[in-house]
Amino acid sequence: MRYKVLVVVALAIAAALYAGYWYSAAELVRRGLLDWSAARRSEGFTIGWDRTEVGGFPLALCVTLEKPIFGQSRIEPGYEARAPLLIGEARPWALGQWHIVAAQGATLAVQPGPERPAIDVAAASLDGTVIPGQDGDATMNAGADLTLAADRLAVSGQTSLAIAHAVASARIPGRAVASHLQTWLSASFALDGVALPVAVPPLGDTVERIATTLAIKGTIPPGARRQALAAWRDDGGTLELESFALAWGKLAVDAKGTVALDAALQPVGALTATIGGYGEIVDALVAAGNLKAGDAAMVKVALGLLAKPAERVERRRCMRLRVVLNFLEVVSHSDPPH
């Protein structure tokens, strides 16, 4: 009997200690949110919400923001993001790792630029994660890993697009890297089911997939954009396009390469691209009456000189291009792409 009493007392003490820890953590999160928002306002950002609530006891910490808004207009392009409801959830014992949901959707308004109209983006729902890096992990640069997925996006501006699903991820740097040979920021994104306003014969009106992965070598310093980019360029900074993939009807494109900035801050570099399905596209243009059969034969012969047969099972031919920005150089490779 005495043993049972001791167990009950121990459990009661443990529960009281945990409850005290949870409420302390909730207060820490609440104060951290207020301090973070105040710091962003001092930097010129617009940030606010109608109401905030911290709950989730005992196994979670949930922060609910009603009608949050975040934006800035100091640096072009200015933008403003809004959501009816934003919920962030973390475990009390892992406060740095957050799962963020905007189940009712969100909007992003980008201010117009000198040569483009305003852009409005609306998503039916958002789902994201934030995971901090570790100081001892040089590859993470003590920053954070961010992932954001969106469903049923509508984009309007100079033209209109509908995107079934989009996902983006980035490793945000926590500090500068030592040299231009090290990765400062890496990111990737993928768009699935991009519906175009009009069909593009013979490819159709839906781009099945666009995906890319890139890495910025060297630190882009804070400050005015042109001065920051110039400093990054002078330090040897480059943009590594680690992969790019496009699937649109019969067209399939894969590319990778390196891009830098010249003295006028214009992109220069070299990309290698593999293009498949061009034969089917030429045939479709002939069938639609957009290309004469004789011209199509000449096009196929010219492209065929650049191409090598891929796997026989596929019965397709692909060509590889080496693209130098501002110039185009075509190189034929003897090995078919895999």
C-alpha atoms as a PDB file:
ATOM      1  CA  MET A   1       0.000   0.000   0.000  1.00  0.00           C
ATOM      2  CA  ARG A   2       2.829   2.330   0.890  1.00  0.00           C
ATOM      3  CA  TYR A   3       4.459   1.604  -2.477  1.00  0.00           C
ATOM      4  CA  LYS A   4       1.276   2.575  -4.331  1.00  0.00           C
ATOM      5  CA  VAL A   5       1.084   5.836  -2.397  1.00  0.00           C
ATOM      6  CA  LEU A   6       4.659   6.654  -3.301  1.00  0.00           C
ATOM      7  CA  VAL A   7       3.952   5.938  -6.989  1.00  0.00           C
ATOM      8  CA  VAL A   8       0.886   8.202  -6.931  1.00  0.00           C
ATOM      9  CA  VAL A   9       2.814  10.970  -5.212  1.00  0.00           C
ATOM     10  CA  ALA A  10       5.685  10.655  -7.681  1.00  0.00           C
ATOM     11  CA  LEU A  11       3.302  10.794 -10.639  1.00  0.00           C
ATOM     12  CA  ALA A  12       1.540  13.821  -9.162  1.00  0.00           C
ATOM     13  CA  ILE A  13       4.865  15.613  -8.694  1.00  0.00           C
ATOM     14  CA  ALA A  14       5.961  14.710 -12.237  1.00  0.00           C
ATOM     15  CA  ALA A  15       2.628  15.946 -13.655  1.00  0.00           C
ATOM     16  CA  ALA A  16       2.904  19.193 -11.713  1.00  0.00           C
ATOM     17  CA  LEU A  17       6.468  19.727 -12.908  1.00  0.00           C
ATOM     18  CA  TYR A  18       5.489  18.994 -16.506  1.00  0.00           C
ATOM     19  CA  ALA A  19       2.473  21.319 -16.285  1.00  0.00           C
ATOM     20  CA  GLY A  20       4.745  24.042 -14.954  1.00  0.00           C
ATOM     21  CA  TYR A  21       7.212  23.415 -17.784  1.00  0.00           C
ATOM     22  CA  TRP A  22       4.420  23.491 -20.385  1.00  0.00           C
ATOM     23  CA  TYR A  23       3.013  26.802 -19.167  1.00  0.00           C
ATOM     24  CA  SER A  24       6.521  28.254 -19.009  1.00  0.00           C
ATOM     25  CA  ALA A  25       7.154  27.092 -22.573  1.00  0.00           C
ATOM     26  CA  ALA A  26       3.822  28.568 -23.693  1.00  0.00           C
ATOM     27  CA  GLU A  27       4.743  31.917 -22.141  1.00  0.00           C
ATOM     28  CA  LEU A  28       8.179  31.718 -23.793  1.00  0.00           C
ATOM     29  CA  VAL A  29       6.557  31.122 -27.186  1.00  0.00           C
ATOM     30  CA  ARG A  30       4.082  33.967 -26.654  1.00  0.00           C
ATOM     31  CA  ARG A  31       6.820  36.405 -25.688  1.00  0.00           C
ATOM     32  CA  GLY A  32       9.057  35.170 -28.490  1.00  0.00           C
ATOM     33  CA  LEU A  33       6.323  35.828 -31.041  1.00  0.00           C
ATOM     34  CA  LEU A  34       5.775  39.356 -29.724  1.00  0.00           C
ATOM     35  CA  ASP A  35       9.515  40.105 -29.651  1.00  0.00           C
ATOM     36  CA  TRP A  36       9.992  38.725 -33.170  1.00  0.00           C
ATOM     37  CA  SER A  37       7.110  40.778 -34.580  1.00  0.00           C
ATOM     38  CA  ALA A  38       8.401  43.931 -32.846  1.00  0.00           C
ATOM     39  CA  ALA A  39      11.870  43.350 -34.317  1.00  0.00           C
ATOM     40  CA  ARG A  40      10.425  42.927 -37.824  1.00  0.00           C
ATOM     41  CA  ARG A  41       8.389  46.131 -37.480  1.00  0.00           C
ATOM     42  CA  SER A  42      11.541  48.005 -36.491  1.00  0.00           C
ATOM     43  CA  GLU A  43      13.096  46.763 -39.732  1.00  0.00           C
ATOM     44  CA  GLY A  44      10.225  48.241 -41.753  1.00  0.00           C
ATOM     45  CA  PHE A  45       8.022  45.173 -42.200  1.00  0.00           C
ATOM     46  CA  THR A  46       4.257  45.242 -41.845  1.00  0.00           C
ATOM     47  CA  ILE A  47       3.190  42.496 -39.469  1.00  0.00           C
ATOM     48  CA  GLY A  48       0.137  41.899 -37.292  1.00  0.00           C
ATOM     49  CA  TRP A  49      -2.933  39.804 -36.522  1.00  0.00           C
ATOM     50  CA  ASP A  50      -6.383  40.251 -35.004  1.00  0.00           C
ATOM     51  CA  ARG A  51      -6.057  37.718 -32.200  1.00  0.00           C
ATOM     52  CA  THR A  52      -3.545  35.188 -30.939  1.00  0.00           C
ATOM     53  CA  GLU A  53      -3.991  32.112 -28.766  1.00  0.00           C
ATOM     54  CA  VAL A  54      -1.522  29.578 -27.350  1.00  0.00           C
ATOM     55  CA  GLY A  55      -2.898  26.167 -26.397  1.00  0.00           C
ATOM     56  CA  GLY A  56      -2.455  22.455 -26.994  1.00  0.00           C
ATOM     57  CA  PHE A  57      -1.795  21.226 -23.449  1.00  0.00           C
ATOM     58  CA  PRO A  58      -0.473  18.673 -22.649  1.00  0.00           C
ATOM     59  CA  LEU A  59       1.302  17.126 -25.660  1.00  0.00           C
ATOM     60  CA  ALA A  60       1.603  20.098 -28.016  1.00  0.00           C
ATOM     61  CA  LEU A  61       2.072  23.838 -28.197  1.00  0.00           C
ATOM     62  CA  CYS A  62      -0.348  25.356 -30.709  1.00  0.00           C
ATOM     63  CA  VAL A  63      -0.166  29.007 -31.695  1.00  0.00           C
ATOM     64  CA  THR A  64      -3.249  30.281 -33.505  1.00  0.00           C
ATOM     65  CA  LEU A  65      -3.200  33.622 -35.332  1.00  0.00           C
ATOM     66  CA  GLU A  66      -6.435  35.045 -36.698  1.00  0.00           C
ATOM     67  CA  LYS A  67      -6.125  37.131 -39.872  1.00  0.00           C
ATOM     68  CA  PRO A  68      -2.317  37.442 -39.848  1.00  0.00           C
ATOM     69  CA  ILE A  69      -0.621  39.831 -42.261  1.00  0.00           C
ATOM     70  CA  PHE A  70       3.024  40.113 -43.258  1.00  0.00           C
ATOM     71  CA  GLY A  71       4.575  42.377 -45.891  1.00  0.00           C
ATOM     72  CA  GLN A  72       7.081  45.035 -46.821  1.00  0.00           C
ATOM     73  CA  SER A  73       7.414  47.866 -49.342  1.00  0.00           C
ATOM     74  CA  ARG A  74      10.962  49.098 -48.614  1.00  0.00           C
ATOM     75  CA  ILE A  75      12.639  46.974 -51.294  1.00  0.00           C
ATOM     76  CA  GLU A  76      11.193  46.142 -54.698  1.00  0.00           C
ATOM     77  CA  PRO A  77       9.117  44.176 -55.209  1.00  0.00           C
ATOM     78  CA  GLY A  78       6.888  45.038 -52.276  1.00  0.00           C
ATOM     79  CA  TYR A  79       4.473  42.344 -51.152  1.00  0.00           C
ATOM     80  CA  GLU A  80       1.769  41.541 -48.627  1.00  0.00           C
ATOM     81  CA  ALA A  81       0.714  38.061 -47.452  1.00  0.00           C
ATOM     82  CA  ARG A  82      -2.561  37.376 -45.633  1.00  0.00           C
ATOM     83  CA  ALA A  83      -4.460  34.360 -44.310  1.00  0.00           C
ATOM     84  CA  PRO A  84      -7.799  33.933 -42.518  1.00  0.00           C
ATOM     85  CA  LEU A  85      -6.227  31.600 -39.967  1.00  0.00           C
ATOM     86  CA  LEU A  86      -2.656  30.402 -39.360  1.00  0.00           C
ATOM     87  CA  ILE A  87      -1.837  27.604 -36.906  1.00  0.00           C
ATOM     88  CA  GLY A  88       1.654  26.609 -35.800  1.00  0.00           C
ATOM     89  CA  GLU A  89       2.246  23.475 -33.757  1.00  0.00           C
ATOM     90  CA  ALA A  90       5.344  22.155 -31.978  1.00  0.00           C
ATOM     91  CA  ARG A  91       6.106  19.589 -29.330  1.00  0.00           C
ATOM     92  CA  PRO A  92       6.940  21.132 -25.925  1.00  0.00           C
ATOM     93  CA  TRP A  93      10.247  19.256 -25.914  1.00  0.00           C
ATOM     94  CA  ALA A  94      11.196  20.383 -29.459  1.00  0.00           C
ATOM     95  CA  LEU A  95      10.204  24.038 -29.657  1.00  0.00           C
ATOM     96  CA  GLY A  96      12.416  24.759 -32.667  1.00  0.00           C
ATOM     97  CA  GLN A  97      10.530  22.398 -34.980  1.00  0.00           C
ATOM     98  CA  TRP A  98       7.193  23.799 -36.130  1.00  0.00           C
ATOM     99  CA  HIS A  99       4.419  22.521 -38.350  1.00  0.00           C
ATOM    100  CA  ILE A 100       2.484  25.431 -39.867  1.00  0.00           C
ATOM    101  CA  VAL A 101      -0.933  25.134 -41.516  1.00  0.00           C
ATOM    102  CA  ALA A 102      -3.245  27.597 -43.265  1.00  0.00           C
ATOM    103  CA  ALA A 103      -6.115  25.217 -43.964  1.00  0.00           C
ATOM    104  CA  GLN A 104      -8.415  28.045 -45.082  1.00  0.00           C
ATOM    105  CA  GLY A 105      -5.931  29.262 -47.655  1.00  0.00           C
ATOM    106  CA  ALA A 106      -3.766  32.360 -48.039  1.00  0.00           C
ATOM    107  CA  THR A 107      -3.090  35.175 -50.496  1.00  0.00           C
ATOM    108  CA  LEU A 108       0.026  37.006 -51.671  1.00  0.00           C
ATOM    109  CA  ALA A 109      -0.126  40.407 -53.380  1.00  0.00           C
ATOM    110  CA  VAL A 110       3.044  41.585 -55.134  1.00  0.00           C
ATOM    111  CA  GLN A 111       3.227  45.264 -55.998  1.00  0.00           C
ATOM    112  CA  PRO A 112       3.673  46.234 -59.676  1.00  0.00           C
ATOM    113  CA  GLY A 113       7.145  46.908 -61.035  1.00  0.00           C
ATOM    114  CA  PRO A 114       8.403  49.344 -63.686  1.00  0.00           C
ATOM    115  CA  GLU A 115       7.698  46.866 -66.500  1.00  0.00           C
ATOM    116  CA  ARG A 116       5.073  44.521 -65.078  1.00  0.00           C
ATOM    117  CA  PRO A 117       1.636  44.709 -63.476  1.00  0.00           C
ATOM    118  CA  ALA A 118       0.781  43.623 -59.959  1.00  0.00           C
ATOM    119  CA  ILE A 119       0.723  39.887 -59.266  1.00  0.00           C
ATOM    120  CA  ASP A 120      -1.853  38.188 -57.043  1.00  0.00           C
ATOM    121  CA  VAL A 121      -1.498  34.615 -55.823  1.00  0.00           C
ATOM    122  CA  ALA A 122      -4.201  32.718 -53.933  1.00  0.00           C
ATOM    123  CA  ALA A 123      -3.797  29.224 -52.472  1.00  0.00           C
ATOM    124  CA  ALA A 124      -6.633  27.018 -51.249  1.00  0.00           C
ATOM    125  CA  SER A 125      -4.427  25.640 -48.464  1.00  0.00           C
ATOM    126  CA  LEU A 126      -0.848  25.807 -47.167  1.00  0.00           C
ATOM    127  CA  ASP A 127       1.190  23.321 -45.176  1.00  0.00           C
ATOM    128  CA  GLY A 128       4.769  23.918 -44.051  1.00  0.00           C
ATOM    129  CA  THR A 129       7.542  22.964 -41.653  1.00  0.00           C
ATOM    130  CA  VAL A 130      10.398  24.870 -40.024  1.00  0.00           C
ATOM    131  CA  ILE A 131      13.378  22.900 -38.672  1.00  0.00           C
ATOM    132  CA  PRO A 132      16.356  24.767 -37.212  1.00  0.00           C
ATOM    133  CA  GLY A 133      19.929  23.936 -38.096  1.00  0.00           C
ATOM    134  CA  GLN A 134      22.612  23.091 -35.580  1.00  0.00           C
ATOM    135  CA  ASP A 135      25.645  25.266 -34.898  1.00  0.00           C
ATOM    136  CA  GLY A 136      27.901  22.259 -35.177  1.00  0.00           C
ATOM    137  CA  ASP A 137      26.566  21.282 -38.603  1.00  0.00           C
ATOM    138  CA  ALA A 138      28.596  23.205 -41.171  1.00  0.00           C
ATOM    139  CA  THR A 139      26.398  22.033 -44.040  1.00  0.00           C
ATOM    140  CA  MET A 140      23.310  23.592 -42.447  1.00  0.00           C
ATOM    141  CA  ASN A 141      25.127  26.840 -41.668  1.00  0.00           C
ATOM    142  CA  ALA A 142      23.148  27.076 -38.382  1.00  0.00           C
ATOM    143  CA  GLY A 143      20.156  28.370 -40.324  1.00  0.00           C
ATOM    144  CA  ALA A 144      16.852  26.585 -40.845  1.00  0.00           C
ATOM    145  CA  ASP A 145      15.196  24.195 -43.269  1.00  0.00           C
ATOM    146  CA  LEU A 146      11.863  25.486 -44.567  1.00  0.00           C
ATOM    147  CA  THR A 147       9.299  23.525 -46.571  1.00  0.00           C
ATOM    148  CA  LEU A 148       6.008  24.885 -47.896  1.00  0.00           C
ATOM    149  CA  ALA A 149       3.359  23.046 -49.910  1.00  0.00           C
ATOM    150  CA  ALA A 150       0.304  24.648 -51.494  1.00  0.00           C
ATOM    151  CA  ASP A 151      -2.772  23.234 -53.197  1.00  0.00           C
ATOM    152  CA  ARG A 152      -4.899  24.766 -55.948  1.00  0.00           C
ATOM    153  CA  LEU A 153      -3.069  27.998 -56.601  1.00  0.00           C
ATOM    154  CA  ALA A 154      -4.474  30.769 -58.784  1.00  0.00           C
ATOM    155  CA  VAL A 155      -1.993  33.299 -60.185  1.00  0.00           C
ATOM    156  CA  SER A 156      -3.173  36.492 -61.879  1.00  0.00           C
ATOM    157  CA  GLY A 157      -1.176  39.348 -63.359  1.00  0.00           C
ATOM    158  CA  GLN A 158      -0.155  39.898 -66.944  1.00  0.00           C
ATOM    159  CA  THR A 159      -1.568  36.429 -67.532  1.00  0.00           C
ATOM    160  CA  SER A 160      -3.453  33.892 -65.434  1.00  0.00           C
ATOM    161  CA  LEU A 161      -2.343  30.446 -64.302  1.00  0.00           C
ATOM    162  CA  ALA A 162      -3.848  27.675 -62.220  1.00  0.00           C
ATOM    163  CA  ILE A 163      -1.500  25.269 -60.429  1.00  0.00           C
ATOM    164  CA  ALA A 164      -2.780  22.028 -58.935  1.00  0.00           C
ATOM    165  CA  HIS A 165       0.049  21.570 -56.447  1.00  0.00           C
ATOM    166  CA  ALA A 166       3.289  23.342 -55.577  1.00  0.00           C
ATOM    167  CA  VAL A 167       6.030  22.579 -53.080  1.00  0.00           C
ATOM    168  CA  ALA A 168       9.122  24.612 -52.242  1.00  0.00           C
ATOM    169  CA  SER A 169      11.932  24.017 -49.801  1.00  0.00           C
ATOM    170  CA  ALA A 170      14.945  26.090 -48.814  1.00  0.00           C
ATOM    171  CA  ARG A 171      17.855  25.920 -46.445  1.00  0.00           C
ATOM    172  CA  ILE A 172      18.012  29.459 -45.074  1.00  0.00           C
ATOM    173  CA  PRO A 173      21.510  30.531 -43.981  1.00  0.00           C
ATOM    174  CA  GLY A 174      22.175  31.548 -40.419  1.00  0.00           C
ATOM    175  CA  ARG A 175      25.450  33.289 -41.175  1.00  0.00           C
ATOM    176  CA  ALA A 176      27.882  34.054 -43.985  1.00  0.00           C
ATOM    177  CA  VAL A 177      30.020  31.287 -45.464  1.00  0.00           C
ATOM    178  CA  ALA A 178      33.811  31.459 -45.597  1.00  0.00           C
ATOM    179  CA  SER A 179      34.228  31.549 -49.398  1.00  0.00           C
ATOM    180  CA  HIS A 180      32.438  31.461 -52.747  1.00  0.00           C
ATOM    181  CA  LEU A 181      33.116  27.717 -52.937  1.00  0.00           C
ATOM    182  CA  GLN A 182      30.667  27.014 -50.128  1.00  0.00           C
ATOM    183  CA  THR A 183      26.889  26.858 -50.402  1.00  0.00           C
ATOM    184  CA  TRP A 184      25.199  29.776 -48.677  1.00  0.00           C
ATOM    185  CA  LEU A 185      21.600  29.011 -49.627  1.00  0.00           C
ATOM    186  CA  SER A 186      20.007  26.045 -51.370  1.00  0.00           C
ATOM    187  CA  ALA A 187      16.450  25.750 -52.603  1.00  0.00           C
ATOM    188  CA  SER A 188      14.154  23.623 -54.724  1.00  0.00           C
ATOM    189  CA  PHE A 189      10.620  23.871 -56.017  1.00  0.00           C
ATOM    190  CA  ALA A 190       8.188  21.805 -58.047  1.00  0.00           C
ATOM    191  CA  LEU A 191       4.952  22.762 -59.774  1.00  0.00           C
ATOM    192  CA  ASP A 192       2.510  20.050 -60.848  1.00  0.00           C
ATOM    193  CA  GLY A 193      -0.439  20.537 -63.159  1.00  0.00           C
ATOM    194  CA  VAL A 194       0.158  24.092 -64.405  1.00  0.00           C
ATOM    195  CA  ALA A 195      -2.923  25.065 -66.430  1.00  0.00           C
ATOM    196  CA  LEU A 196      -2.214  27.742 -69.036  1.00  0.00           C
ATOM    197  CA  PRO A 197      -4.798  30.334 -70.147  1.00  0.00           C
ATOM    198  CA  VAL A 198      -4.603  29.052 -73.737  1.00  0.00           C
ATOM    199  CA  ALA A 199      -3.384  25.832 -75.291  1.00  0.00           C
ATOM    200  CA  VAL A 200      -0.022  25.843 -77.083  1.00  0.00           C
ATOM    201  CA  PRO A 201      -0.203  23.395 -80.007  1.00  0.00           C
ATOM    202  CA  PRO A 202       0.955  20.686 -79.993  1.00  0.00           C
ATOM    203  CA  LEU A 203       1.976  20.692 -76.327  1.00  0.00           C
ATOM    204  CA  GLY A 204      -1.464  21.380 -74.871  1.00  0.00           C
ATOM    205  CA  ASP A 205      -2.763  23.698 -72.171  1.00  0.00           C
ATOM    206  CA  THR A 206      -1.287  21.905 -69.128  1.00  0.00           C
ATOM    207  CA  VAL A 207       2.361  21.654 -68.127  1.00  0.00           C
ATOM    208  CA  GLU A 208       2.563  18.402 -66.212  1.00  0.00           C
ATOM    209  CA  ARG A 209       5.605  19.304 -64.140  1.00  0.00           C
ATOM    210  CA  ILE A 210       8.279  21.970 -63.640  1.00  0.00           C
ATOM    211  CA  ALA A 211      10.947  21.260 -61.029  1.00  0.00           C
ATOM    212  CA  THR A 212      14.340  22.696 -60.179  1.00  0.00           C
ATOM    213  CA  THR A 213      17.043  22.553 -57.524  1.00  0.00           C
ATOM    214  CA  LEU A 214      19.614  25.320 -57.130  1.00  0.00           C
ATOM    215  CA  ALA A 215      22.365  26.464 -54.799  1.00  0.00           C
ATOM    216  CA  ILE A 216      23.882  29.892 -54.233  1.00  0.00           C
ATOM    217  CA  LYS A 217      27.643  29.720 -53.738  1.00  0.00           C
ATOM    218  CA  GLY A 218      29.078  32.567 -51.701  1.00  0.00           C
ATOM    219  CA  THR A 219      27.252  34.950 -49.383  1.00  0.00           C
ATOM    220  CA  ILE A 220      24.941  37.665 -50.704  1.00  0.00           C
ATOM    221  CA  PRO A 221      25.434  40.458 -48.148  1.00  0.00           C
ATOM    222  CA  PRO A 222      22.564  42.543 -46.760  1.00  0.00           C
ATOM    223  CA  GLY A 223      21.842  46.004 -48.141  1.00  0.00           C
ATOM    224  CA  ALA A 224      20.604  47.536 -51.384  1.00  0.00           C
ATOM    225  CA  ARG A 225      20.055  44.882 -54.039  1.00  0.00           C
ATOM    226  CA  ARG A 226      22.451  46.133 -56.737  1.00  0.00           C
ATOM    227  CA  GLN A 227      25.279  46.765 -54.285  1.00  0.00           C
ATOM    228  CA  ALA A 228      24.722  43.396 -52.613  1.00  0.00           C
ATOM    229  CA  LEU A 229      24.733  41.523 -55.918  1.00  0.00           C
ATOM    230  CA  ALA A 230      27.837  43.403 -57.063  1.00  0.00           C
ATOM    231  CA  ALA A 231      29.662  42.444 -53.867  1.00  0.00           C
ATOM    232  CA  TRP A 232      28.574  38.822 -54.281  1.00  0.00           C
ATOM    233  CA  ARG A 233      29.769  38.807 -57.915  1.00  0.00           C
ATOM    234  CA  ASP A 234      33.127  40.392 -57.036  1.00  0.00           C
ATOM    235  CA  ASP A 235      33.667  37.722 -54.390  1.00  0.00           C
ATOM    236  CA  GLY A 236      33.222  34.994 -57.028  1.00  0.00           C
ATOM    237  CA  GLY A 237      29.645  34.036 -56.180  1.00  0.00           C
ATOM    238  CA  THR A 238      27.717  31.784 -58.583  1.00  0.00           C
ATOM    239  CA  LEU A 239      24.297  30.222 -58.935  1.00  0.00           C
ATOM    240  CA  GLU A 240      24.473  26.467 -59.469  1.00  0.00           C
ATOM    241  CA  LEU A 241      21.471  25.059 -61.313  1.00  0.00           C
ATOM    242  CA  GLU A 242      21.794  21.521 -60.008  1.00  0.00           C
ATOM    243  CA  SER A 243      18.751  20.260 -61.875  1.00  0.00           C
ATOM    244  CA  PHE A 244      15.840  21.480 -63.975  1.00  0.00           C
ATOM    245  CA  ALA A 245      13.062  19.317 -65.362  1.00  0.00           C
ATOM    246  CA  LEU A 246      10.111  20.163 -67.604  1.00  0.00           C
ATOM    247  CA  ALA A 247       7.394  17.767 -68.735  1.00  0.00           C
ATOM    248  CA  TRP A 248       4.875  19.296 -71.118  1.00  0.00           C
ATOM    249  CA  GLY A 249       2.933  17.028 -73.411  1.00  0.00           C
ATOM    250  CA  LYS A 250       5.476  15.150 -75.560  1.00  0.00           C
ATOM    251  CA  LEU A 251       8.260  17.560 -74.592  1.00  0.00           C
ATOM    252  CA  ALA A 252      10.736  16.556 -71.887  1.00  0.00           C
ATOM    253  CA  VAL A 253      13.641  18.808 -70.862  1.00  0.00           C
ATOM    254  CA  ASP A 254      16.394  18.216 -68.312  1.00  0.00           C
ATOM    255  CA  ALA A 255      19.090  20.827 -67.671  1.00  0.00           C
ATOM    256  CA  LYS A 256      21.858  21.864 -65.304  1.00  0.00           C
ATOM    257  CA  GLY A 257      24.626  24.471 -65.292  1.00  0.00           C
ATOM    258  CA  THR A 258      26.266  27.469 -63.659  1.00  0.00           C
ATOM    259  CA  VAL A 259      25.238  31.131 -63.802  1.00  0.00           C
ATOM    260  CA  ALA A 260      27.163  34.218 -62.662  1.00  0.00           C
ATOM    261  CA  LEU A 261      26.796  37.995 -63.123  1.00  0.00           C
ATOM    262  CA  ASP A 262      28.806  40.172 -65.494  1.00  0.00           C
ATOM    263  CA  ALA A 263      29.965  43.759 -64.955  1.00  0.00           C
ATOM    264  CA  ALA A 264      26.451  45.034 -65.758  1.00  0.00           C
ATOM    265  CA  LEU A 265      24.892  42.524 -63.315  1.00  0.00           C
ATOM    266  CA  GLN A 266      23.464  40.532 -66.231  1.00  0.00           C
ATOM    267  CA  PRO A 267      23.481  36.716 -66.107  1.00  0.00           C
ATOM    268  CA  VAL A 268      26.266  34.848 -67.887  1.00  0.00           C
ATOM    269  CA  GLY A 269      27.037  31.171 -67.757  1.00  0.00           C
ATOM    270  CA  ALA A 270      26.605  27.817 -69.415  1.00  0.00           C
ATOM    271  CA  LEU A 271      23.827  25.240 -69.244  1.00  0.00           C
ATOM    272  CA  THR A 272      23.615  21.716 -70.603  1.00  0.00           C
ATOM    273  CA  ALA A 273      20.134  20.599 -71.643  1.00  0.00           C
ATOM    274  CA  THR A 274      18.729  17.277 -72.817  1.00  0.00           C
ATOM    275  CA  ILE A 275      15.583  17.578 -74.911  1.00  0.00           C
ATOM    276  CA  GLY A 276      13.346  14.651 -75.766  1.00  0.00           C
ATOM    277  CA  GLY A 277      10.143  14.272 -77.749  1.00  0.00           C
ATOM    278  CA  TYR A 278      11.005  16.782 -80.467  1.00  0.00           C
ATOM    279  CA  GLY A 279      10.130  14.265 -83.206  1.00  0.00           C
ATOM    280  CA  GLU A 280       6.610  13.807 -81.895  1.00  0.00           C
ATOM    281  CA  ILE A 281       6.199  17.584 -81.653  1.00  0.00           C
ATOM    282  CA  VAL A 282       7.209  18.055 -85.290  1.00  0.00           C
ATOM    283  CA  ASP A 283       4.731  15.354 -86.351  1.00  0.00           C
ATOM    284  CA  ALA A 284       1.969  17.034 -84.353  1.00  0.00           C
ATOM    285  CA  LEU A 285       2.710  20.399 -85.983  1.00  0.00           C
ATOM    286  CA  VAL A 286       2.360  18.780 -89.409  1.00  0.00           C
ATOM    287  CA  ALA A 287      -0.893  17.077 -88.414  1.00  0.00           C
ATOM    288  CA  ALA A 288      -2.291  20.406 -87.184  1.00  0.00           C
ATOM    289  CA  GLY A 289      -1.309  22.130 -90.417  1.00  0.00           C
ATOM    290  CA  ASN A 290       1.159  24.465 -88.720  1.00  0.00           C
ATOM    291  CA  LEU A 291       4.167  23.026 -90.545  1.00  0.00           C
ATOM    292  CA  LYS A 292       4.539  21.737 -94.092  1.00  0.00           C
ATOM    293  CA  ALA A 293       5.593  18.129 -94.522  1.00  0.00           C
ATOM    294  CA  GLY A 294       8.654  19.097 -96.575  1.00  0.00           C
ATOM    295  CA  ASP A 295       9.805  21.613 -93.979  1.00  0.00           C
ATOM    296  CA  ALA A 296       9.179  19.060 -91.236  1.00  0.00           C
ATOM    297  CA  ALA A 297      11.456  16.570 -92.963  1.00  0.00           C
ATOM    298  CA  MET A 298      14.245  19.139 -93.105  1.00  0.00           C
ATOM    299  CA  VAL A 299      13.737  19.993 -89.429  1.00  0.00           C
ATOM    300  CA  LYS A 300      13.918  16.325 -88.479  1.00  0.00           C
ATOM    301  CA  VAL A 301      17.092  15.824 -90.456  1.00  0.00           C
ATOM    302  CA  ALA A 302      18.745  18.844 -88.802  1.00  0.00           C
ATOM    303  CA  LEU A 303      17.679  17.785 -85.327  1.00  0.00           C
ATOM    304  CA  GLY A 304      18.589  14.190 -86.050  1.00  0.00           C
ATOM    305  CA  LEU A 305      22.190  15.213 -86.662  1.00  0.00           C
ATOM    306  CA  LEU A 306      22.289  16.463 -83.102  1.00  0.00           C
ATOM    307  CA  ALA A 307      20.527  13.504 -81.555  1.00  0.00           C
ATOM    308  CA  LYS A 308      21.409   9.985 -80.585  1.00  0.00           C
ATOM    309  CA  PRO A 309      18.847   7.223 -80.109  1.00  0.00           C
ATOM    310  CA  ALA A 310      17.821   6.640 -76.527  1.00  0.00           C
ATOM    311  CA  GLU A 311      16.877   3.218 -75.237  1.00  0.00           C
ATOM    312  CA  ARG A 312      15.296   1.171 -78.002  1.00  0.00           C
ATOM    313  CA  VAL A 313      12.303   0.386 -75.849  1.00  0.00           C
ATOM    314  CA  GLU A 314      11.413   4.077 -75.708  1.00  0.00           C
ATOM    315  CA  ARG A 315      11.774   4.522 -79.478  1.00  0.00           C
ATOM    316  CA  ARG A 316      12.546   8.194 -78.921  1.00  0.00           C
ATOM    317  CA  ARG A 317      15.451  10.392 -79.830  1.00  0.00           C
ATOM    318  CA  CYS A 318      16.950  13.037 -77.596  1.00  0.00           C
ATOM    319  CA  MET A 319      19.408  15.824 -78.233  1.00  0.00           C
ATOM    320  CA  ARG A 320      21.797  17.582 -75.919  1.00  0.00           C
ATOM    321  CA  LEU A 321      22.451  21.298 -76.150  1.00  0.00           C
ATOM    322  CA  ARG A 322      25.089  23.403 -74.509  1.00  0.00           C
ATOM    323  CA  VAL A 323      23.538  26.824 -73.945  1.00  0.00           C
ATOM    324  CA  VAL A 324      25.834  29.762 -73.281  1.00  0.00           C
ATOM    325  CA  LEU A 325      23.814  32.713 -72.028  1.00  0.00           C
ATOM    326  CA  ASN A 326      23.583  35.371 -74.751  1.00  0.00           C
ATOM    327  CA  PHE A 327      24.834  32.786 -77.237  1.00  0.00           C
ATOM    328  CA  LEU A 328      23.701  29.315 -78.315  1.00  0.00           C
ATOM    329  CA  GLU A 329      26.136  26.524 -78.989  1.00  0.00           C
ATOM    330  CA  VAL A 330      24.848  23.081 -79.937  1.00  0.00           C
ATOM    331  CA  VAL A 331      26.982  20.059 -79.119  1.00  0.00           C
ATOM    332  CA  SER A 332      26.147  16.464 -80.058  1.00  0.00           C
ATOM    333  CA  HIS A 333      26.975  13.792 -77.510  1.00  0.00           C
ATOM    334  CA  SER A 334      27.600  10.181 -78.458  1.00  0.00           C
ATOM    335  CA  ASP A 335      25.998   8.734 -75.331  1.00  0.00           C
ATOM    336  CA  PRO A 336      22.196   8.729 -75.064  1.00  0.00           C
ATOM    337  CA  PRO A 337      20.732  10.282 -71.918  1.00  0.00           C
ATOM    338  CA  HIS A 338      19.578   7.839 -69.264  1.00  0.00           C
END
